[in-house]
Amino acid sequence: MQTTFSEKQLRDPGTQRANEILRSCVHCGFCTATCPTYQVLGDELDSPRGRIYLIKDMLENERVPDAKTVKHIDRCLSCLACMTTCPSGVHYMHLVDHARAYIDKHYNRPWSDRALRWLLARILPYPGRFRLALIGAKLTQPFKRLVPDARLRAMLDMVPRHIPPVSRNDDPQSFAAKAPRRKRVALMTGCAQKALNTDINDATIRLLTRLGCEVVVAAGAGCCGALTHHMGREEESHATAAKNIRAWTDEIDGQGLDAIVVNTSGCGTTVKDYGHMFRNDPLAEDAARVSALAMDISELLMQLDLPEGAHKETTVAYHAACSLQHGQQIKTYPKTLLKRAGFTVVEPADSHLCCGSAGTYNLLQPEISAELKARKVKTLEAKHPDLIAAGNIGCMMQIGSATDIPILHTVELLDWATGGPKPRALAAGGPGADPRAGEIPILR
């Protein structure tokens, strides 16, 4: 694609990067075939190619964004399926992130939109506030029909059936390896996950220590910054990310780290991009070191010789989170690990398509999100599985709100199969529990 940015414009690092990305696009349109919003809406401007044209025009002409441009860019899920499909290597993620930051600085959103985004940015990244908000929302649920805004109703729909107790494993501390120590790793405990499902981090710590890892929860680490980053709130997201970089750098320079483990794939995609986000910052070197050490939990487990398990009469439908299969290009590891543990693994049709969660997307674009959720749940249920496994808390909440099939994090199943406790989601009599699923033999 030909661009006409001036030399002055190209002095801005964000514009310079956008120019590189735009020039790599060859207008082929392959991206439209795998874009969820294009499949739902059928509008060229709701495809990556269409959005690229809108972004190019906005940036080149330094336009104040208009409502039309903002609407179509807001509708992007950032699922990054287009990056997997693109034969030219267009780095759409960096382009749309820059466009969102530009919009945040130059576009005056309607007050209701501004208020909702402010609210999300002030609650979701803070586990304590989020937990209180969930309790309040649960009390409000019986009056949901009286709420006029569809986005607020969507927020009430996403409240979990049970708000989990606080886990002290999320506090800064170190967990000793329970086998000969092979690695020392930092676990990113995240933000929303600590309010929505504390079992995931608990299972991760049990499994890793059982396999010979010392696990550290670093003081000062918290939200990865993705939630505000994808809303274009660049200063807020960078401030949050900087705290993580400093916290993990202290561990790297102290007793050392072999990996920074992330068990929420949306966070993992962002942490792995810290090197780019801070490339022109005094923290650039430390950010690059952190990004180089960041690993999804499935990547680390592939290095730790997970024991093989006997066949279990349990069929697991694996949902591939977009941030894992497209953002991090990790496609086979979770399935390989589940099969190794003895589960029968099946995949739904169109497994490359987004479930509609996408961070705050299901709250900001509830109609499109609901359509994508219905499609995803239909394809998963068509496989008649006993369980659904996923590697991202957002996907788990999205899918779990629309099916009675228990949905668990991959690491919960692997922990259970190698000696850990039965996942709470499968507790006898629990919501959506399958009594057959509790009888699988575990490895000792």
Protein backbone atom coordinates (compact mmCIF):
# COMPACT_ATOMS: atom_id res chain seq x y z
CA MET A 1 0.00 0.00 0.00
CA GLN A 2 1.36 3.42 -0.94
CA THR A 3 1.49 6.02 1.84
CA THR A 4 2.13 9.77 1.84
CA PHE A 5 3.21 10.60 5.37
CA SER A 6 5.43 13.69 5.63
CA GLU A 7 8.92 13.62 7.14
CA LYS A 8 7.57 15.53 10.12
CA GLN A 9 4.83 12.96 10.69
CA LEU A 10 7.32 10.11 10.47
CA ARG A 11 9.34 11.55 13.34
CA ASP A 12 6.59 10.25 15.61
CA PRO A 13 7.48 6.61 16.50
CA GLY A 14 3.83 5.51 16.42
CA THR A 15 3.23 7.00 12.99
CA GLN A 16 6.52 5.59 11.74
CA ARG A 17 5.46 2.10 12.83
CA ALA A 18 1.99 2.58 11.31
CA ASN A 19 3.63 3.58 8.01
CA GLU A 20 5.71 0.38 7.99
CA ILE A 21 2.62 -1.73 8.59
CA LEU A 22 0.46 0.05 6.02
CA ARG A 23 3.14 -0.33 3.35
CA SER A 24 3.23 -4.10 3.91
CA CYS A 25 -0.49 -4.49 3.04
CA VAL A 26 -1.15 -5.62 -0.54
CA HIS A 27 -5.00 -5.31 -0.47
CA CYS A 28 -5.39 -9.06 -1.08
CA GLY A 29 -8.46 -9.40 1.16
CA PHE A 30 -7.51 -12.78 2.61
CA CYS A 31 -8.15 -11.27 6.04
CA THR A 32 -11.85 -10.83 5.35
CA ALA A 33 -12.35 -14.62 5.23
CA THR A 34 -11.34 -15.05 8.88
CA CYS A 35 -12.58 -11.77 10.38
CA PRO A 36 -15.45 -12.46 12.81
CA THR A 37 -17.03 -9.00 12.52
CA TYR A 38 -17.02 -9.17 8.73
CA GLN A 39 -18.72 -12.57 8.90
CA VAL A 40 -21.41 -11.20 11.23
CA LEU A 41 -21.93 -7.77 9.65
CA GLY A 42 -20.86 -8.25 6.02
CA ASP A 43 -19.52 -4.68 5.79
CA GLU A 44 -16.11 -4.16 4.19
CA LEU A 45 -15.39 -1.43 6.73
CA ASP A 46 -15.83 -4.05 9.46
CA SER A 47 -13.00 -6.13 8.02
CA PRO A 48 -9.27 -5.61 8.63
CA ARG A 49 -8.77 -4.36 5.08
CA GLY A 50 -11.56 -1.81 5.46
CA ARG A 51 -10.27 -0.63 8.83
CA ILE A 52 -6.77 -0.29 7.40
CA TYR A 53 -8.10 2.16 4.80
CA LEU A 54 -9.91 4.13 7.51
CA ILE A 55 -6.81 4.23 9.72
CA LYS A 56 -4.56 5.28 6.83
CA ASP A 57 -6.86 8.16 5.90
CA MET A 58 -7.19 9.30 9.52
CA LEU A 59 -3.46 9.22 10.27
CA GLU A 60 -2.15 10.61 6.99
CA ASN A 61 -4.51 13.58 7.07
CA GLU A 62 -4.21 14.01 10.84
CA ARG A 63 -7.99 14.14 10.94
CA VAL A 64 -10.09 14.50 14.02
CA PRO A 65 -11.72 11.05 13.96
CA ASP A 66 -15.35 11.07 12.85
CA ALA A 67 -18.10 8.90 14.32
CA LYS A 68 -18.07 6.52 11.34
CA THR A 69 -14.36 5.79 11.62
CA VAL A 70 -14.58 5.32 15.38
CA LYS A 71 -17.58 2.99 15.05
CA HIS A 72 -15.81 0.59 12.72
CA ILE A 73 -12.53 0.60 14.67
CA ASP A 74 -14.42 0.09 17.94
CA ARG A 75 -16.08 -2.95 16.39
CA CYS A 76 -12.69 -4.66 15.94
CA LEU A 77 -12.21 -7.48 18.45
CA SER A 78 -8.41 -7.48 18.18
CA CYS A 79 -8.74 -11.24 17.83
CA LEU A 80 -5.80 -11.08 15.37
CA ALA A 81 -7.13 -13.88 13.17
CA CYS A 82 -6.21 -11.57 10.30
CA MET A 83 -2.54 -11.75 11.30
CA THR A 84 -2.61 -15.54 11.15
CA THR A 85 -4.24 -15.40 7.70
CA CYS A 86 -2.23 -12.55 6.16
CA PRO A 87 0.35 -13.76 3.59
CA SER A 88 2.21 -10.43 3.74
CA GLY A 89 2.86 -10.34 7.49
CA VAL A 90 0.84 -7.18 8.16
CA HIS A 91 1.18 -6.50 11.91
CA TYR A 92 -2.41 -5.40 12.36
CA MET A 93 -2.17 -5.46 16.18
CA HIS A 94 0.31 -2.59 16.36
CA LEU A 95 -1.67 -0.63 13.77
CA VAL A 96 -5.07 -0.87 15.46
CA ASP A 97 -3.53 -0.22 18.89
CA HIS A 98 -1.98 2.99 17.56
CA ALA A 99 -5.28 3.98 15.95
CA ARG A 100 -7.13 3.49 19.24
CA ALA A 101 -4.62 5.63 21.10
CA TYR A 102 -4.99 8.32 18.41
CA ILE A 103 -8.80 8.18 18.77
CA ASP A 104 -8.57 8.41 22.55
CA LYS A 105 -6.54 11.62 22.24
CA HIS A 106 -8.51 13.30 19.45
CA TYR A 107 -12.12 12.11 19.58
CA ASN A 108 -14.75 13.37 21.99
CA ARG A 109 -16.96 10.37 22.67
CA PRO A 110 -20.58 10.71 23.81
CA TRP A 111 -20.72 11.19 27.59
CA SER A 112 -22.29 7.78 28.22
CA ASP A 113 -19.49 6.07 26.30
CA ARG A 114 -16.84 8.08 28.15
CA ALA A 115 -18.45 7.25 31.49
CA LEU A 116 -18.62 3.51 30.78
CA ARG A 117 -15.01 3.36 29.61
CA TRP A 118 -13.87 5.34 32.65
CA LEU A 119 -15.78 2.96 34.90
CA LEU A 120 -14.27 -0.15 33.29
CA ALA A 121 -10.76 1.31 33.52
CA ARG A 122 -11.27 2.11 37.21
CA ILE A 123 -12.73 -1.26 38.21
CA LEU A 124 -11.57 -4.23 36.09
CA PRO A 125 -7.79 -3.91 36.62
CA TYR A 126 -8.22 -3.74 40.41
CA PRO A 127 -9.25 -7.11 41.95
CA GLY A 128 -10.62 -5.61 45.17
CA ARG A 129 -12.79 -3.07 43.38
CA PHE A 130 -13.85 -5.66 40.83
CA ARG A 131 -14.92 -8.09 43.55
CA LEU A 132 -17.05 -5.40 45.21
CA ALA A 133 -18.56 -4.50 41.83
CA LEU A 134 -19.44 -8.17 41.23
CA ILE A 135 -21.20 -8.38 44.58
CA GLY A 136 -23.15 -5.22 43.77
CA ALA A 137 -24.02 -6.47 40.30
CA LYS A 138 -25.22 -9.79 41.71
CA LEU A 139 -27.65 -7.93 43.97
CA THR A 140 -28.85 -5.91 40.96
CA GLN A 141 -29.40 -8.89 38.64
CA PRO A 142 -33.11 -9.41 39.54
CA PHE A 143 -33.79 -5.90 38.24
CA LYS A 144 -31.84 -6.34 35.00
CA ARG A 145 -34.86 -5.75 32.76
CA LEU A 146 -35.21 -2.25 34.19
CA VAL A 147 -31.68 -1.28 33.08
CA PRO A 148 -32.02 0.81 29.87
CA ASP A 149 -28.47 0.46 28.48
CA ALA A 150 -27.69 -2.83 26.68
CA ARG A 151 -24.06 -2.53 27.70
CA LEU A 152 -24.95 -2.34 31.38
CA ARG A 153 -27.26 -5.34 31.00
CA ALA A 154 -24.36 -7.20 29.39
CA MET A 155 -22.25 -6.45 32.45
CA LEU A 156 -24.92 -7.98 34.68
CA ASP A 157 -25.12 -11.07 32.44
CA MET A 158 -21.40 -11.71 32.89
CA VAL A 159 -21.51 -11.93 36.68
CA PRO A 160 -20.41 -15.48 37.68
CA ARG A 161 -22.85 -17.78 39.48
CA HIS A 162 -20.48 -17.92 42.43
CA ILE A 163 -17.98 -15.23 43.41
CA PRO A 164 -14.90 -17.15 44.59
CA PRO A 165 -13.21 -16.57 47.94
CA VAL A 166 -9.98 -14.57 48.03
CA SER A 167 -6.88 -16.72 47.52
CA ARG A 168 -3.84 -15.86 49.61
CA ASN A 169 -1.70 -17.56 46.97
CA ASP A 170 -2.02 -14.33 44.98
CA ASP A 171 -0.08 -12.37 47.62
CA PRO A 172 3.66 -11.71 47.02
CA GLN A 173 5.54 -14.83 48.15
CA SER A 174 7.59 -17.78 46.99
CA PHE A 175 6.47 -21.41 46.66
CA ALA A 176 9.22 -24.02 46.93
CA ALA A 177 9.55 -26.79 44.36
CA LYS A 178 8.20 -30.14 45.61
CA ALA A 179 10.56 -32.09 43.36
CA PRO A 180 14.22 -31.48 42.51
CA ARG A 181 14.26 -27.83 41.43
CA ARG A 182 14.52 -27.37 37.68
CA LYS A 183 13.42 -23.76 37.22
CA ARG A 184 12.64 -20.58 39.11
CA VAL A 185 9.66 -18.81 37.56
CA ALA A 186 7.51 -15.77 38.28
CA LEU A 187 3.76 -16.27 38.00
CA MET A 188 1.67 -13.38 36.75
CA THR A 189 -1.47 -13.58 38.88
CA GLY A 190 -3.28 -10.89 36.87
CA CYS A 191 -6.23 -8.74 37.91
CA ALA A 192 -9.73 -9.76 36.74
CA GLN A 193 -8.85 -13.43 37.13
CA LYS A 194 -8.17 -12.90 40.85
CA ALA A 195 -11.78 -11.78 41.28
CA LEU A 196 -13.47 -14.15 38.84
CA ASN A 197 -11.67 -17.48 39.32
CA THR A 198 -8.98 -17.96 41.96
CA ASP A 199 -8.72 -21.70 41.21
CA ILE A 200 -6.63 -21.08 38.08
CA ASN A 201 -3.64 -19.54 39.86
CA ASP A 202 -3.92 -22.09 42.70
CA ALA A 203 -3.85 -24.97 40.19
CA THR A 204 -0.91 -23.40 38.34
CA ILE A 205 1.16 -23.14 41.52
CA ARG A 206 0.38 -26.72 42.57
CA LEU A 207 1.23 -28.13 39.16
CA LEU A 208 4.45 -26.18 38.64
CA THR A 209 5.84 -26.90 42.12
CA ARG A 210 4.96 -30.59 41.65
CA LEU A 211 6.99 -30.57 38.41
CA GLY A 212 10.08 -28.99 39.99
CA CYS A 213 9.54 -25.24 39.70
CA GLU A 214 10.03 -22.66 42.41
CA VAL A 215 7.17 -20.23 41.82
CA VAL A 216 7.45 -16.57 42.78
CA VAL A 217 4.61 -14.05 42.97
CA ALA A 218 6.60 -10.82 42.66
CA ALA A 219 5.82 -7.85 44.89
CA GLY A 220 4.44 -4.94 42.86
CA ALA A 221 3.25 -6.97 39.86
CA GLY A 222 -0.41 -6.80 38.89
CA CYS A 223 -2.57 -6.05 35.85
CA CYS A 224 -0.72 -6.41 32.55
CA GLY A 225 -2.34 -3.25 31.13
CA ALA A 226 -4.21 -4.96 28.32
CA LEU A 227 -7.69 -3.85 29.39
CA THR A 228 -6.83 -0.14 29.20
CA HIS A 229 -4.38 -0.62 26.30
CA HIS A 230 -7.12 -1.92 24.01
CA MET A 231 -9.34 1.00 24.93
CA GLY A 232 -6.61 3.37 23.68
CA ARG A 233 -5.77 4.63 27.17
CA GLU A 234 -2.05 4.49 26.52
CA GLU A 235 -0.75 6.37 29.55
CA GLU A 236 -2.77 4.25 31.96
CA SER A 237 -1.78 0.96 30.34
CA HIS A 238 1.90 1.89 30.20
CA ALA A 239 1.91 2.96 33.86
CA THR A 240 0.45 -0.42 34.85
CA ALA A 241 2.85 -2.34 32.62
CA ALA A 242 5.82 -0.39 33.99
CA LYS A 243 5.04 -1.66 37.51
CA ASN A 244 5.27 -5.23 36.23
CA ILE A 245 8.50 -4.57 34.39
CA ARG A 246 10.12 -3.15 37.54
CA ALA A 247 8.79 -5.94 39.75
CA TRP A 248 10.00 -8.72 37.47
CA THR A 249 13.32 -7.00 36.73
CA ASP A 250 13.99 -6.97 40.48
CA GLU A 251 13.51 -10.75 40.49
CA ILE A 252 15.64 -11.22 37.36
CA ASP A 253 18.48 -9.18 38.84
CA GLY A 254 18.04 -10.78 42.26
CA GLN A 255 17.79 -14.57 42.41
CA GLY A 256 17.11 -14.83 38.67
CA LEU A 257 14.16 -16.11 36.64
CA ASP A 258 13.95 -18.81 34.00
CA ALA A 259 10.51 -17.68 32.86
CA ILE A 260 7.65 -15.31 33.55
CA VAL A 261 4.58 -17.55 33.38
CA VAL A 262 1.21 -16.20 32.26
CA ASN A 263 -1.93 -18.35 32.47
CA THR A 264 -4.30 -15.81 30.90
CA SER A 265 -3.47 -15.70 27.22
CA GLY A 266 -4.83 -12.17 26.70
CA CYS A 267 -2.31 -10.96 29.26
CA GLY A 268 0.43 -13.09 27.72
CA THR A 269 0.04 -11.45 24.32
CA THR A 270 0.44 -8.03 25.93
CA VAL A 271 3.40 -8.94 28.16
CA LYS A 272 5.21 -10.43 25.18
CA ASP A 273 4.71 -7.07 23.46
CA TYR A 274 6.21 -4.96 26.26
CA GLY A 275 9.44 -4.72 24.30
CA HIS A 276 7.57 -2.93 21.51
CA MET A 277 5.39 -0.85 23.81
CA PHE A 278 8.44 0.54 25.66
CA ARG A 279 10.87 0.67 22.74
CA ASN A 280 11.34 4.43 23.10
CA ASP A 281 11.17 4.52 26.90
CA PRO A 282 13.94 4.49 29.52
CA LEU A 283 12.57 1.06 30.48
CA ALA A 284 13.20 -0.28 26.96
CA GLU A 285 15.99 -2.68 27.91
CA ASP A 286 14.18 -4.09 30.93
CA ALA A 287 10.92 -4.36 28.97
CA ALA A 288 12.70 -6.37 26.28
CA ARG A 289 14.15 -8.71 28.92
CA VAL A 290 10.71 -9.26 30.41
CA SER A 291 9.13 -9.94 27.02
CA ALA A 292 11.86 -12.45 26.19
CA LEU A 293 11.12 -14.41 29.38
CA ALA A 294 7.32 -14.31 29.11
CA MET A 295 5.73 -17.70 28.42
CA ASP A 296 2.23 -19.06 28.32
CA ILE A 297 1.76 -21.80 30.91
CA SER A 298 1.44 -24.37 28.10
CA GLU A 299 4.87 -23.37 26.70
CA LEU A 300 6.53 -23.97 30.05
CA LEU A 301 4.71 -27.25 30.66
CA MET A 302 6.00 -28.58 27.34
CA GLN A 303 9.51 -28.23 28.83
CA LEU A 304 8.71 -29.98 32.10
CA ASP A 305 7.96 -33.58 31.05
CA LEU A 306 4.35 -33.80 32.18
CA PRO A 307 3.71 -37.46 33.14
CA GLU A 308 1.69 -39.55 30.71
CA GLY A 309 -1.70 -40.61 31.95
CA ALA A 310 -3.88 -43.60 31.26
CA HIS A 311 -6.86 -43.09 28.96
CA LYS A 312 -9.81 -41.44 30.70
CA GLU A 313 -13.39 -41.72 29.57
CA THR A 314 -13.66 -37.95 29.45
CA THR A 315 -14.01 -35.93 26.26
CA VAL A 316 -12.69 -32.38 26.40
CA ALA A 317 -13.65 -29.82 23.78
CA TYR A 318 -10.69 -27.48 23.47
CA HIS A 319 -11.53 -23.82 22.84
CA ALA A 320 -8.55 -22.01 21.33
CA ALA A 321 -8.44 -18.47 22.71
CA CYS A 322 -7.65 -15.94 19.98
CA SER A 323 -4.92 -14.34 22.05
CA LEU A 324 -3.21 -17.74 22.27
CA GLN A 325 -3.64 -19.13 18.75
CA HIS A 326 -3.37 -15.81 16.87
CA GLY A 327 -1.70 -13.40 19.29
CA GLN A 328 1.00 -15.82 20.46
CA GLN A 329 0.78 -18.39 17.65
CA ILE A 330 0.46 -21.24 20.17
CA LYS A 331 -1.86 -23.74 18.55
CA THR A 332 -0.94 -27.31 19.55
CA TYR A 333 0.62 -27.25 23.04
CA PRO A 334 -2.59 -27.22 25.14
CA LYS A 335 -4.11 -30.04 23.08
CA THR A 336 -0.88 -32.05 23.25
CA LEU A 337 -0.75 -31.68 27.03
CA LEU A 338 -4.38 -32.67 27.53
CA LYS A 339 -3.94 -35.73 25.34
CA ARG A 340 -0.77 -36.65 27.22
CA ALA A 341 -2.72 -36.49 30.48
CA GLY A 342 -5.18 -39.02 29.04
CA PHE A 343 -8.11 -36.89 27.91
CA THR A 344 -9.87 -37.33 24.57
CA VAL A 345 -9.61 -33.92 22.90
CA VAL A 346 -12.01 -32.63 20.25
CA GLU A 347 -12.16 -29.24 18.52
CA PRO A 348 -15.24 -27.33 17.36
CA ALA A 349 -15.85 -26.23 13.79
CA ASP A 350 -14.39 -22.83 12.92
CA SER A 351 -12.07 -23.01 15.92
CA HIS A 352 -10.14 -20.02 14.55
CA LEU A 353 -13.11 -17.68 15.13
CA CYS A 354 -13.47 -15.53 18.25
CA CYS A 355 -16.02 -16.28 20.99
CA GLY A 356 -16.76 -12.56 21.32
CA SER A 357 -15.18 -11.96 24.72
CA ALA A 358 -12.05 -10.01 23.67
CA GLY A 359 -11.28 -8.21 26.92
CA THR A 360 -13.96 -5.56 27.38
CA TYR A 361 -15.54 -6.15 23.95
CA ASN A 362 -18.47 -8.14 25.31
CA LEU A 363 -19.29 -5.16 27.53
CA LEU A 364 -18.76 -2.42 24.93
CA GLN A 365 -20.21 -4.23 21.89
CA PRO A 366 -22.78 -6.61 23.46
CA GLU A 367 -24.87 -7.28 20.32
CA ILE A 368 -21.96 -8.44 18.14
CA SER A 369 -20.42 -10.27 21.08
CA ALA A 370 -23.67 -12.14 21.75
CA GLU A 371 -23.86 -13.33 18.13
CA LEU A 372 -20.28 -14.62 18.24
CA LYS A 373 -20.90 -16.29 21.60
CA ALA A 374 -23.98 -18.10 20.29
CA ARG A 375 -22.02 -19.38 17.28
CA LYS A 376 -19.11 -20.56 19.42
CA VAL A 377 -21.28 -22.32 22.00
CA LYS A 378 -23.26 -24.07 19.24
CA THR A 379 -20.09 -25.48 17.68
CA LEU A 380 -18.73 -26.60 21.05
CA GLU A 381 -21.96 -28.28 22.14
CA ALA A 382 -22.16 -30.05 18.77
CA LYS A 383 -19.16 -32.12 19.88
CA HIS A 384 -21.08 -33.40 22.95
CA PRO A 385 -18.09 -33.07 25.27
CA ASP A 386 -18.00 -33.79 28.99
CA LEU A 387 -15.94 -30.67 29.59
CA ILE A 388 -14.67 -27.57 27.78
CA ALA A 389 -11.08 -26.39 28.27
CA ALA A 390 -9.70 -22.94 27.51
CA GLY A 391 -6.61 -20.90 28.35
CA ASN A 392 -8.12 -17.48 28.95
CA ILE A 393 -10.44 -16.30 31.74
CA GLY A 394 -12.38 -13.97 29.40
CA CYS A 395 -13.29 -16.84 27.08
CA MET A 396 -14.24 -19.00 30.05
CA MET A 397 -16.65 -16.37 31.39
CA GLN A 398 -18.11 -15.69 27.93
CA ILE A 399 -18.72 -19.32 26.98
CA GLY A 400 -19.66 -20.41 30.49
CA SER A 401 -22.49 -17.88 30.61
CA ALA A 402 -24.26 -19.67 27.74
CA THR A 403 -23.80 -23.40 28.33
CA ASP A 404 -24.28 -25.96 31.11
CA ILE A 405 -21.16 -27.87 30.06
CA PRO A 406 -18.46 -27.22 32.69
CA ILE A 407 -15.64 -25.02 31.39
CA LEU A 408 -12.24 -25.12 33.03
CA HIS A 409 -8.80 -23.74 32.42
CA THR A 410 -6.45 -26.24 30.80
CA VAL A 411 -4.12 -26.03 33.78
CA GLU A 412 -6.93 -27.04 36.18
CA LEU A 413 -7.42 -30.29 34.24
CA LEU A 414 -3.68 -30.98 34.08
CA ASP A 415 -3.29 -30.32 37.82
CA TRP A 416 -6.21 -32.65 38.58
CA ALA A 417 -4.86 -35.40 36.32
CA THR A 418 -1.43 -35.29 37.99
CA GLY A 419 -2.52 -35.44 41.62
CA GLY A 420 -4.27 -32.17 42.35
CA PRO A 421 -7.77 -31.81 43.78
CA LYS A 422 -10.92 -32.14 41.75
CA PRO A 423 -11.71 -28.73 40.22
CA ARG A 424 -14.35 -26.79 42.09
CA ALA A 425 -16.28 -26.31 38.83
CA LEU A 426 -16.92 -30.08 38.84
CA ALA A 427 -17.94 -30.34 42.49
CA ALA A 428 -20.88 -32.67 43.00
CA GLY A 429 -24.09 -30.76 42.60
CA GLY A 430 -22.31 -27.66 41.32
CA PRO A 431 -23.69 -25.66 38.41
CA GLY A 432 -23.30 -27.62 35.22
CA ALA A 433 -21.40 -30.40 36.92
CA ASP A 434 -21.14 -33.71 35.10
CA PRO A 435 -21.04 -36.59 37.60
CA ARG A 436 -19.08 -38.74 35.17
CA ALA A 437 -16.27 -36.20 35.03
CA GLY A 438 -15.41 -36.69 38.71
CA GLU A 439 -14.47 -40.33 38.30
CA ILE A 440 -11.37 -40.14 36.11
CA PRO A 441 -8.26 -41.80 37.53
CA ILE A 442 -5.48 -39.37 38.44
CA LEU A 443 -1.74 -39.87 38.20
CA ARG A 444 0.20 -40.29 41.39
